[in-house]
Amino acid sequence: MGKTWSVAERRAEIMRILESRRSENVANFVFMFGVSRRTICYDIEILTALHPIETVRGKGGCIRLTDGYRTYQNILSEEQQETLIDIIPLISDRQATILKGLLHAYGSKKNQQRIDGLII
């Protein structure tokens, strides 16, 4: 038997999946969480009130986050981002890769090109 998810855990995981994959269909969520289609639809309804989620109906339909939306966007201040960007050339490749991932997840869109341009 698979994991038993609380409502809060399931909804947080739905958001995590949408953030990483950008879209998913209801049938996959039903399978992943072992709940009914109605339960997933209700979860999506609740999450839509809190996040910019779009529902695409019909063949090939899906649940997706609007372009550019990130749950934790802009948590790092500009000064924090600048400091982290400045140290990337000074650390190991593995550390730099991790740091760049964190900057992508928690930094501003403004710095994305600059981060992507850094050679590790």
Protein backbone atom coordinates (compact mmCIF):
# COMPACT_ATOMS: atom_id res chain seq x y z
CA MET A 1 0.00 0.00 0.00
CA GLY A 2 1.26 3.52 -0.87
CA LYS A 3 1.69 6.53 1.34
CA THR A 4 -1.37 7.97 3.02
CA TRP A 5 -1.46 11.72 2.36
CA SER A 6 -3.12 14.30 4.56
CA VAL A 7 -5.09 16.94 2.68
CA ALA A 8 -2.39 19.56 3.34
CA GLU A 9 0.42 17.21 2.26
CA ARG A 10 -1.44 16.25 -0.91
CA ARG A 11 -2.10 19.85 -1.89
CA ALA A 12 1.49 20.86 -1.15
CA GLU A 13 2.71 17.95 -3.28
CA ILE A 14 0.34 18.93 -6.12
CA MET A 15 1.88 22.41 -6.06
CA ARG A 16 5.40 20.97 -5.96
CA ILE A 17 4.61 18.77 -8.96
CA LEU A 18 3.03 21.64 -10.89
CA GLU A 19 5.98 23.86 -10.12
CA SER A 20 8.50 21.31 -11.37
CA ARG A 21 6.54 19.90 -14.33
CA ARG A 22 4.46 23.04 -15.05
CA SER A 23 1.43 20.87 -15.96
CA GLU A 24 -0.16 17.53 -15.15
CA ASN A 25 -3.46 15.79 -15.81
CA VAL A 26 -6.08 14.84 -13.25
CA ALA A 27 -5.82 11.10 -13.99
CA ASN A 28 -2.13 11.10 -13.03
CA PHE A 29 -2.89 12.91 -9.76
CA VAL A 30 -5.66 10.38 -9.01
CA PHE A 31 -3.19 7.54 -9.55
CA MET A 32 -0.34 9.21 -7.60
CA PHE A 33 -2.41 9.96 -4.52
CA GLY A 34 -4.86 7.05 -4.60
CA VAL A 35 -7.90 9.29 -4.26
CA SER A 36 -10.99 9.94 -6.38
CA ARG A 37 -11.17 12.26 -9.36
CA ARG A 38 -13.59 14.42 -7.37
CA THR A 39 -11.04 14.78 -4.54
CA ILE A 40 -8.36 15.98 -6.97
CA CYS A 41 -10.81 18.36 -8.66
CA TYR A 42 -11.73 19.79 -5.25
CA ASP A 43 -8.02 20.16 -4.36
CA ILE A 44 -7.42 22.00 -7.65
CA GLU A 45 -10.45 24.22 -6.98
CA ILE A 46 -9.03 25.21 -3.58
CA LEU A 47 -5.49 25.68 -4.92
CA THR A 48 -6.81 27.83 -7.78
CA ALA A 49 -8.09 30.32 -5.22
CA LEU A 50 -4.55 30.63 -3.83
CA HIS A 51 -2.34 30.25 -6.91
CA PRO A 52 -2.56 31.12 -10.63
CA ILE A 53 -3.60 27.67 -11.81
CA GLU A 54 -5.32 27.13 -15.16
CA THR A 55 -7.46 24.17 -16.12
CA VAL A 56 -7.41 23.13 -19.77
CA ARG A 57 -10.40 20.98 -20.69
CA GLY A 58 -10.82 18.46 -23.47
CA LYS A 59 -8.47 16.04 -25.17
CA GLY A 60 -4.96 16.72 -23.96
CA GLY A 61 -6.36 18.77 -21.08
CA CYS A 62 -4.33 19.45 -17.99
CA ILE A 63 -3.87 21.45 -14.84
CA ARG A 64 -1.06 23.97 -15.17
CA LEU A 65 0.58 26.94 -13.53
CA THR A 66 0.57 30.15 -15.49
CA ASP A 67 3.86 30.94 -17.22
CA GLY A 68 6.49 32.49 -15.00
CA TYR A 69 4.77 31.71 -11.70
CA ARG A 70 6.94 30.28 -8.96
CA THR A 71 5.64 29.55 -5.48
CA TYR A 72 8.76 30.89 -3.76
CA GLN A 73 9.80 33.53 -6.25
CA ASN A 74 11.71 36.50 -4.86
CA ILE A 75 12.34 35.15 -1.38
CA LEU A 76 15.99 36.21 -1.62
CA SER A 77 16.68 39.93 -1.47
CA GLU A 78 18.67 41.57 -4.26
CA GLU A 79 21.66 41.85 -1.93
CA GLN A 80 21.47 38.15 -1.05
CA GLN A 81 21.23 37.20 -4.74
CA GLU A 82 24.18 39.42 -5.65
CA THR A 83 26.31 37.87 -2.91
CA LEU A 84 25.45 34.32 -3.97
CA ILE A 85 26.07 35.09 -7.65
CA ASP A 86 29.45 36.62 -6.78
CA ILE A 87 30.64 33.47 -4.99
CA ILE A 88 29.65 30.98 -7.72
CA PRO A 89 33.04 31.22 -9.51
CA LEU A 90 34.82 30.55 -6.20
CA ILE A 91 33.18 27.22 -5.28
CA SER A 92 33.24 23.66 -6.64
CA ASP A 93 31.19 22.69 -9.69
CA ARG A 94 28.81 20.60 -7.57
CA GLN A 95 28.27 23.46 -5.13
CA ALA A 96 27.82 25.93 -7.98
CA THR A 97 25.18 23.74 -9.60
CA ILE A 98 23.27 23.54 -6.31
CA LEU A 99 23.60 27.27 -5.73
CA LYS A 100 22.39 28.09 -9.24
CA GLY A 101 19.35 25.85 -8.65
CA LEU A 102 18.57 27.72 -5.44
CA LEU A 103 18.93 31.06 -7.17
CA HIS A 104 16.56 29.90 -9.91
CA ALA A 105 14.01 28.71 -7.36
CA TYR A 106 14.23 31.61 -4.91
CA GLY A 107 15.67 34.50 -6.89
CA SER A 108 14.15 37.13 -9.13
CA LYS A 109 13.47 36.62 -12.83
CA LYS A 110 15.65 39.66 -13.41
CA ASN A 111 18.77 37.67 -12.51
CA GLN A 112 17.94 34.49 -14.45
CA GLN A 113 19.98 35.32 -17.57
CA ARG A 114 22.93 36.39 -15.47
CA ILE A 115 22.81 33.14 -13.50
CA ASP A 116 22.44 31.03 -16.65
CA GLY A 117 25.43 32.80 -18.20
CA LEU A 118 27.80 31.82 -15.39
CA ILE A 119 30.15 29.02 -16.35
CA ILE A 120 30.69 26.31 -13.76
